[in-house]
Amino acid sequence: MIRYENLNSDSGVQSYEIGAKQMLVKFKKGSTYLYSDVKPGSIHLEKMKLLAVAGKGLGTYINKYVRTNYIAKWG
């Protein structure tokens, strides 16, 4: 996984891994979530990928728009 840069604030996101149709996001509290083009959908997934690479806004976006709309959770 790639360490999340967190350029904007003190995000809860620790790291991420981007695939073609999915994305893993690990939070500092220990849980890892799987998001995909099915859930929460391709529009949200592509926005999350952009924010992850930019290193800012990913945690806020997930909290505001995605919340519990994920495929799987570990931890």
PDB file of N, CA and C in Angstrom:
ATOM      1  N   MET A   1       0.845  -1.183   0.000  1.00  0.00           N
ATOM      2  CA  MET A   1       0.000   0.000   0.000  1.00  0.00           C
ATOM      3  C   MET A   1       0.891   1.246   0.000  1.00  0.00           C
ATOM      4  N   ILE A   2       0.339   2.316  -0.526  1.00  0.00           N
ATOM      5  CA  ILE A   2       1.053   3.587  -0.603  1.00  0.00           C
ATOM      6  C   ILE A   2       0.630   4.471   0.568  1.00  0.00           C
ATOM      7  N   ARG A   3       1.608   5.054   1.235  1.00  0.00           N
ATOM      8  CA  ARG A   3       1.320   5.957   2.349  1.00  0.00           C
ATOM      9  C   ARG A   3       0.588   7.186   1.814  1.00  0.00           C
ATOM     10  N   TYR A   4      -0.518   7.548   2.488  1.00  0.00           N
ATOM     11  CA  TYR A   4      -1.298   8.719   2.106  1.00  0.00           C
ATOM     12  C   TYR A   4      -0.567   9.971   2.575  1.00  0.00           C
ATOM     13  N   GLU A   5      -0.345  10.918   1.690  1.00  0.00           N
ATOM     14  CA  GLU A   5       0.434  12.117   2.003  1.00  0.00           C
ATOM     15  C   GLU A   5      -0.226  13.052   3.006  1.00  0.00           C
ATOM     16  N   ASN A   6      -1.553  13.168   2.978  1.00  0.00           N
ATOM     17  CA  ASN A   6      -2.274  14.012   3.926  1.00  0.00           C
ATOM     18  C   ASN A   6      -1.757  15.452   3.931  1.00  0.00           C
ATOM     19  N   LEU A   7      -1.828  16.116   2.808  1.00  0.00           N
ATOM     20  CA  LEU A   7      -1.306  17.466   2.654  1.00  0.00           C
ATOM     21  C   LEU A   7      -2.220  18.552   3.217  1.00  0.00           C
ATOM     22  N   ASN A   8      -3.477  18.252   3.442  1.00  0.00           N
ATOM     23  CA  ASN A   8      -4.442  19.276   3.869  1.00  0.00           C
ATOM     24  C   ASN A   8      -4.629  19.371   5.373  1.00  0.00           C
ATOM     25  N   SER A   9      -4.770  18.256   6.038  1.00  0.00           N
ATOM     26  CA  SER A   9      -5.100  18.283   7.465  1.00  0.00           C
ATOM     27  C   SER A   9      -4.691  16.961   8.106  1.00  0.00           C
ATOM     28  N   ASP A  10      -5.178  16.740   9.297  1.00  0.00           N
ATOM     29  CA  ASP A  10      -4.880  15.491   9.992  1.00  0.00           C
ATOM     30  C   ASP A  10      -5.936  14.454   9.625  1.00  0.00           C
ATOM     31  N   SER A  11      -5.746  13.811   8.504  1.00  0.00           N
ATOM     32  CA  SER A  11      -6.698  12.834   7.991  1.00  0.00           C
ATOM     33  C   SER A  11      -6.621  11.525   8.765  1.00  0.00           C
ATOM     34  N   GLY A  12      -7.705  10.792   8.765  1.00  0.00           N
ATOM     35  CA  GLY A  12      -7.730   9.465   9.353  1.00  0.00           C
ATOM     36  C   GLY A  12      -7.194   8.406   8.408  1.00  0.00           C
ATOM     37  N   VAL A  13      -6.932   8.776   7.152  1.00  0.00           N
ATOM     38  CA  VAL A  13      -6.427   7.839   6.156  1.00  0.00           C
ATOM     39  C   VAL A  13      -4.924   7.631   6.361  1.00  0.00           C
ATOM     40  N   GLN A  14      -4.507   6.380   6.375  1.00  0.00           N
ATOM     41  CA  GLN A  14      -3.097   6.039   6.537  1.00  0.00           C
ATOM     42  C   GLN A  14      -2.444   5.676   5.210  1.00  0.00           C
ATOM     43  N   SER A  15      -3.119   4.818   4.423  1.00  0.00           N
ATOM     44  CA  SER A  15      -2.547   4.375   3.157  1.00  0.00           C
ATOM     45  C   SER A  15      -3.654   3.910   2.219  1.00  0.00           C
ATOM     46  N   TYR A  16      -3.269   3.674   0.972  1.00  0.00           N
ATOM     47  CA  TYR A  16      -4.237   3.249  -0.041  1.00  0.00           C
ATOM     48  C   TYR A  16      -3.544   2.404  -1.093  1.00  0.00           C
ATOM     49  N   GLU A  17      -4.363   1.674  -1.836  1.00  0.00           N
ATOM     50  CA  GLU A  17      -3.882   0.895  -2.976  1.00  0.00           C
ATOM     51  C   GLU A  17      -4.933   0.979  -4.070  1.00  0.00           C
ATOM     52  N   ILE A  18      -4.522   1.388  -5.244  1.00  0.00           N
ATOM     53  CA  ILE A  18      -5.458   1.609  -6.350  1.00  0.00           C
ATOM     54  C   ILE A  18      -5.346   0.487  -7.372  1.00  0.00           C
ATOM     55  N   GLY A  19      -6.500  -0.062  -7.754  1.00  0.00           N
ATOM     56  CA  GLY A  19      -6.593  -1.029  -8.836  1.00  0.00           C
ATOM     57  C   GLY A  19      -7.450  -0.436  -9.943  1.00  0.00           C
ATOM     58  N   ALA A  20      -7.617  -1.161 -11.032  1.00  0.00           N
ATOM     59  CA  ALA A  20      -8.392  -0.658 -12.164  1.00  0.00           C
ATOM     60  C   ALA A  20      -9.843  -0.374 -11.790  1.00  0.00           C
ATOM     61  N   LYS A  21     -10.462  -1.284 -11.048  1.00  0.00           N
ATOM     62  CA  LYS A  21     -11.877  -1.144 -10.720  1.00  0.00           C
ATOM     63  C   LYS A  21     -12.144  -1.193  -9.219  1.00  0.00           C
ATOM     64  N   GLN A  22     -11.088  -0.987  -8.436  1.00  0.00           N
ATOM     65  CA  GLN A  22     -11.264  -1.027  -6.984  1.00  0.00           C
ATOM     66  C   GLN A  22     -10.171  -0.226  -6.296  1.00  0.00           C
ATOM     67  N   MET A  23     -10.352  -0.035  -5.013  1.00  0.00           N
ATOM     68  CA  MET A  23      -9.403   0.714  -4.217  1.00  0.00           C
ATOM     69  C   MET A  23      -9.495   0.255  -2.770  1.00  0.00           C
ATOM     70  N   LEU A  24      -8.345   0.039  -2.147  1.00  0.00           N
ATOM     71  CA  LEU A  24      -8.282  -0.262  -0.721  1.00  0.00           C
ATOM     72  C   LEU A  24      -7.850   1.007   0.006  1.00  0.00           C
ATOM     73  N   VAL A  25      -8.493   1.281   1.122  1.00  0.00           N
ATOM     74  CA  VAL A  25      -8.115   2.419   1.952  1.00  0.00           C
ATOM     75  C   VAL A  25      -7.960   1.926   3.384  1.00  0.00           C
ATOM     76  N   LYS A  26      -6.762   2.153   3.944  1.00  0.00           N
ATOM     77  CA  LYS A  26      -6.508   1.784   5.333  1.00  0.00           C
ATOM     78  C   LYS A  26      -6.515   3.050   6.174  1.00  0.00           C
ATOM     79  N   PHE A  27      -7.262   2.983   7.273  1.00  0.00           N
ATOM     80  CA  PHE A  27      -7.362   4.117   8.177  1.00  0.00           C
ATOM     81  C   PHE A  27      -6.426   3.934   9.362  1.00  0.00           C
ATOM     82  N   LYS A  28      -6.040   5.032   9.978  1.00  0.00           N
ATOM     83  CA  LYS A  28      -5.105   5.015  11.099  1.00  0.00           C
ATOM     84  C   LYS A  28      -5.616   4.199  12.279  1.00  0.00           C
ATOM     85  N   LYS A  29      -6.911   4.088  12.416  1.00  0.00           N
ATOM     86  CA  LYS A  29      -7.483   3.306  13.516  1.00  0.00           C
ATOM     87  C   LYS A  29      -7.404   1.806  13.257  1.00  0.00           C
ATOM     88  N   GLY A  30      -6.894   1.409  12.089  1.00  0.00           N
ATOM     89  CA  GLY A  30      -6.631   0.004  11.826  1.00  0.00           C
ATOM     90  C   GLY A  30      -7.517  -0.699  10.824  1.00  0.00           C
ATOM     91  N   SER A  31      -8.660  -0.168  10.502  1.00  0.00           N
ATOM     92  CA  SER A  31      -9.558  -0.831   9.553  1.00  0.00           C
ATOM     93  C   SER A  31      -9.164  -0.527   8.113  1.00  0.00           C
ATOM     94  N   THR A  32      -9.363  -1.522   7.250  1.00  0.00           N
ATOM     95  CA  THR A  32      -9.129  -1.375   5.824  1.00  0.00           C
ATOM     96  C   THR A  32     -10.442  -1.625   5.100  1.00  0.00           C
ATOM     97  N   TYR A  33     -10.751  -0.769   4.129  1.00  0.00           N
ATOM     98  CA  TYR A  33     -12.013  -0.845   3.395  1.00  0.00           C
ATOM     99  C   TYR A  33     -11.744  -1.062   1.915  1.00  0.00           C
ATOM    100  N   LEU A  34     -12.600  -1.863   1.289  1.00  0.00           N
ATOM    101  CA  LEU A  34     -12.540  -2.088  -0.147  1.00  0.00           C
ATOM    102  C   LEU A  34     -13.696  -1.355  -0.805  1.00  0.00           C
ATOM    103  N   TYR A  35     -13.355  -0.473  -1.737  1.00  0.00           N
ATOM    104  CA  TYR A  35     -14.343   0.267  -2.520  1.00  0.00           C
ATOM    105  C   TYR A  35     -14.178  -0.161  -3.972  1.00  0.00           C
ATOM    106  N   SER A  36     -15.264  -0.146  -4.744  1.00  0.00           N
ATOM    107  CA  SER A  36     -15.154  -0.585  -6.138  1.00  0.00           C
ATOM    108  C   SER A  36     -16.058   0.240  -7.047  1.00  0.00           C
ATOM    109  N   ASP A  37     -16.010  -0.103  -8.338  1.00  0.00           N
ATOM    110  CA  ASP A  37     -16.880   0.581  -9.288  1.00  0.00           C
ATOM    111  C   ASP A  37     -18.341   0.156  -9.117  1.00  0.00           C
ATOM    112  N   VAL A  38     -18.568  -0.896  -8.344  1.00  0.00           N
ATOM    113  CA  VAL A  38     -19.934  -1.328  -8.030  1.00  0.00           C
ATOM    114  C   VAL A  38     -20.446  -0.600  -6.791  1.00  0.00           C
ATOM    115  N   LYS A  39     -19.620  -0.544  -5.774  1.00  0.00           N
ATOM    116  CA  LYS A  39     -19.991   0.074  -4.510  1.00  0.00           C
ATOM    117  C   LYS A  39     -18.798   0.832  -3.963  1.00  0.00           C
ATOM    118  N   PRO A  40     -18.792   2.109  -3.973  1.00  0.00           N
ATOM    119  CA  PRO A  40     -19.867   3.078  -4.071  1.00  0.00           C
ATOM    120  C   PRO A  40     -20.216   3.510  -5.492  1.00  0.00           C
ATOM    121  N   GLY A  41     -19.541   2.948  -6.498  1.00  0.00           N
ATOM    122  CA  GLY A  41     -19.823   3.307  -7.884  1.00  0.00           C
ATOM    123  C   GLY A  41     -18.617   3.969  -8.528  1.00  0.00           C
ATOM    124  N   SER A  42     -18.610   3.958  -9.845  1.00  0.00           N
ATOM    125  CA  SER A  42     -17.440   4.435 -10.584  1.00  0.00           C
ATOM    126  C   SER A  42     -17.174   5.924 -10.413  1.00  0.00           C
ATOM    127  N   ILE A  43     -18.214   6.737 -10.277  1.00  0.00           N
ATOM    128  CA  ILE A  43     -18.009   8.182 -10.117  1.00  0.00           C
ATOM    129  C   ILE A  43     -17.287   8.474  -8.805  1.00  0.00           C
ATOM    130  N   HIS A  44     -17.773   7.886  -7.709  1.00  0.00           N
ATOM    131  CA  HIS A  44     -17.113   8.078  -6.416  1.00  0.00           C
ATOM    132  C   HIS A  44     -15.713   7.465  -6.413  1.00  0.00           C
ATOM    133  N   LEU A  45     -15.574   6.285  -6.986  1.00  0.00           N
ATOM    134  CA  LEU A  45     -14.282   5.612  -6.999  1.00  0.00           C
ATOM    135  C   LEU A  45     -13.229   6.447  -7.726  1.00  0.00           C
ATOM    136  N   GLU A  46     -13.573   6.983  -8.876  1.00  0.00           N
ATOM    137  CA  GLU A  46     -12.605   7.785  -9.635  1.00  0.00           C
ATOM    138  C   GLU A  46     -12.233   9.056  -8.874  1.00  0.00           C
ATOM    139  N   LYS A  47     -13.184   9.684  -8.222  1.00  0.00           N
ATOM    140  CA  LYS A  47     -12.893  10.873  -7.414  1.00  0.00           C
ATOM    141  C   LYS A  47     -11.974  10.506  -6.256  1.00  0.00           C
ATOM    142  N   MET A  48     -12.237   9.384  -5.592  1.00  0.00           N
ATOM    143  CA  MET A  48     -11.401   8.937  -4.477  1.00  0.00           C
ATOM    144  C   MET A  48      -9.973   8.661  -4.942  1.00  0.00           C
ATOM    145  N   LYS A  49      -9.818   8.070  -6.120  1.00  0.00           N
ATOM    146  CA  LYS A  49      -8.485   7.807  -6.664  1.00  0.00           C
ATOM    147  C   LYS A  49      -7.724   9.113  -6.876  1.00  0.00           C
ATOM    148  N   LEU A  50      -8.393  10.096  -7.455  1.00  0.00           N
ATOM    149  CA  LEU A  50      -7.755  11.397  -7.697  1.00  0.00           C
ATOM    150  C   LEU A  50      -7.316  12.045  -6.386  1.00  0.00           C
ATOM    151  N   LEU A  51      -8.181  12.003  -5.386  1.00  0.00           N
ATOM    152  CA  LEU A  51      -7.862  12.602  -4.090  1.00  0.00           C
ATOM    153  C   LEU A  51      -6.716  11.866  -3.409  1.00  0.00           C
ATOM    154  N   ALA A  52      -6.687  10.557  -3.528  1.00  0.00           N
ATOM    155  CA  ALA A  52      -5.613   9.766  -2.917  1.00  0.00           C
ATOM    156  C   ALA A  52      -4.259  10.140  -3.525  1.00  0.00           C
ATOM    157  N   VAL A  53      -4.206  10.201  -4.838  1.00  0.00           N
ATOM    158  CA  VAL A  53      -2.958  10.541  -5.519  1.00  0.00           C
ATOM    159  C   VAL A  53      -2.540  11.982  -5.204  1.00  0.00           C
ATOM    160  N   ALA A  54      -3.517  12.878  -5.102  1.00  0.00           N
ATOM    161  CA  ALA A  54      -3.231  14.278  -4.774  1.00  0.00           C
ATOM    162  C   ALA A  54      -2.767  14.437  -3.326  1.00  0.00           C
ATOM    163  N   GLY A  55      -3.126  13.484  -2.480  1.00  0.00           N
ATOM    164  CA  GLY A  55      -2.713  13.528  -1.082  1.00  0.00           C
ATOM    165  C   GLY A  55      -3.519  14.448  -0.210  1.00  0.00           C
ATOM    166  N   LYS A  56      -4.725  14.797  -0.640  1.00  0.00           N
ATOM    167  CA  LYS A  56      -5.562  15.664   0.185  1.00  0.00           C
ATOM    168  C   LYS A  56      -7.044  15.463  -0.116  1.00  0.00           C
ATOM    169  N   GLY A  57      -7.836  15.470   0.945  1.00  0.00           N
ATOM    170  CA  GLY A  57      -9.282  15.429   0.805  1.00  0.00           C
ATOM    171  C   GLY A  57      -9.926  14.058   0.789  1.00  0.00           C
ATOM    172  N   LEU A  58      -9.156  12.990   0.804  1.00  0.00           N
ATOM    173  CA  LEU A  58      -9.740  11.650   0.692  1.00  0.00           C
ATOM    174  C   LEU A  58     -10.607  11.302   1.903  1.00  0.00           C
ATOM    175  N   GLY A  59     -10.106  11.492   3.090  1.00  0.00           N
ATOM    176  CA  GLY A  59     -10.878  11.173   4.293  1.00  0.00           C
ATOM    177  C   GLY A  59     -12.160  11.971   4.380  1.00  0.00           C
ATOM    178  N   THR A  60     -12.082  13.247   4.059  1.00  0.00           N
ATOM    179  CA  THR A  60     -13.258  14.119   4.081  1.00  0.00           C
ATOM    180  C   THR A  60     -14.286  13.658   3.055  1.00  0.00           C
ATOM    181  N   TYR A  61     -13.823  13.313   1.862  1.00  0.00           N
ATOM    182  CA  TYR A  61     -14.725  12.854   0.808  1.00  0.00           C
ATOM    183  C   TYR A  61     -15.429  11.566   1.216  1.00  0.00           C
ATOM    184  N   ILE A  62     -14.687  10.632   1.764  1.00  0.00           N
ATOM    185  CA  ILE A  62     -15.285   9.368   2.204  1.00  0.00           C
ATOM    186  C   ILE A  62     -16.325   9.629   3.280  1.00  0.00           C
ATOM    187  N   ASN A  63     -16.000  10.448   4.259  1.00  0.00           N
ATOM    188  CA  ASN A  63     -16.952  10.756   5.336  1.00  0.00           C
ATOM    189  C   ASN A  63     -18.195  11.467   4.833  1.00  0.00           C
ATOM    190  N   LYS A  64     -18.039  12.339   3.863  1.00  0.00           N
ATOM    191  CA  LYS A  64     -19.163  13.137   3.371  1.00  0.00           C
ATOM    192  C   LYS A  64     -20.055  12.406   2.371  1.00  0.00           C
ATOM    193  N   TYR A  65     -19.441  11.640   1.451  1.00  0.00           N
ATOM    194  CA  TYR A  65     -20.213  11.064   0.352  1.00  0.00           C
ATOM    195  C   TYR A  65     -20.330   9.544   0.329  1.00  0.00           C
ATOM    196  N   VAL A  66     -19.387   8.845   0.910  1.00  0.00           N
ATOM    197  CA  VAL A  66     -19.352   7.391   0.761  1.00  0.00           C
ATOM    198  C   VAL A  66     -19.819   6.662   2.019  1.00  0.00           C
ATOM    199  N   ARG A  67     -19.322   7.093   3.167  1.00  0.00           N
ATOM    200  CA  ARG A  67     -19.644   6.523   4.477  1.00  0.00           C
ATOM    201  C   ARG A  67     -19.561   4.989   4.486  1.00  0.00           C
ATOM    202  N   THR A  68     -20.680   4.332   4.628  1.00  0.00           N
ATOM    203  CA  THR A  68     -20.704   2.864   4.752  1.00  0.00           C
ATOM    204  C   THR A  68     -20.941   2.151   3.422  1.00  0.00           C
ATOM    205  N   ASN A  69     -20.829   2.855   2.336  1.00  0.00           N
ATOM    206  CA  ASN A  69     -21.069   2.280   1.013  1.00  0.00           C
ATOM    207  C   ASN A  69     -19.779   1.657   0.460  1.00  0.00           C
ATOM    208  N   TYR A  70     -19.370   0.542   1.046  1.00  0.00           N
ATOM    209  CA  TYR A  70     -18.155  -0.149   0.654  1.00  0.00           C
ATOM    210  C   TYR A  70     -18.444  -1.633   0.430  1.00  0.00           C
ATOM    211  N   ILE A  71     -17.538  -2.331  -0.220  1.00  0.00           N
ATOM    212  CA  ILE A  71     -17.694  -3.757  -0.506  1.00  0.00           C
ATOM    213  C   ILE A  71     -17.368  -4.621   0.702  1.00  0.00           C
ATOM    214  N   ALA A  72     -16.239  -4.320   1.355  1.00  0.00           N
ATOM    215  CA  ALA A  72     -15.783  -5.150   2.476  1.00  0.00           C
ATOM    216  C   ALA A  72     -14.973  -4.306   3.450  1.00  0.00           C
ATOM    217  N   LYS A  73     -14.867  -4.812   4.678  1.00  0.00           N
ATOM    218  CA  LYS A  73     -14.102  -4.144   5.729  1.00  0.00           C
ATOM    219  C   LYS A  73     -13.316  -5.207   6.504  1.00  0.00           C
ATOM    220  N   TRP A  74     -12.039  -4.907   6.786  1.00  0.00           N
ATOM    221  CA  TRP A  74     -11.206  -5.764   7.613  1.00  0.00           C
ATOM    222  C   TRP A  74     -10.667  -4.945   8.778  1.00  0.00           C
ATOM    223  N   GLY A  75     -10.586  -5.566   9.918  1.00  0.00           N
ATOM    224  CA  GLY A  75     -10.000  -4.913  11.084  1.00  0.00           C
ATOM    225  C   GLY A  75     -10.962  -4.162  11.937  1.00  0.00           C
TER     226      GLY A  75
END
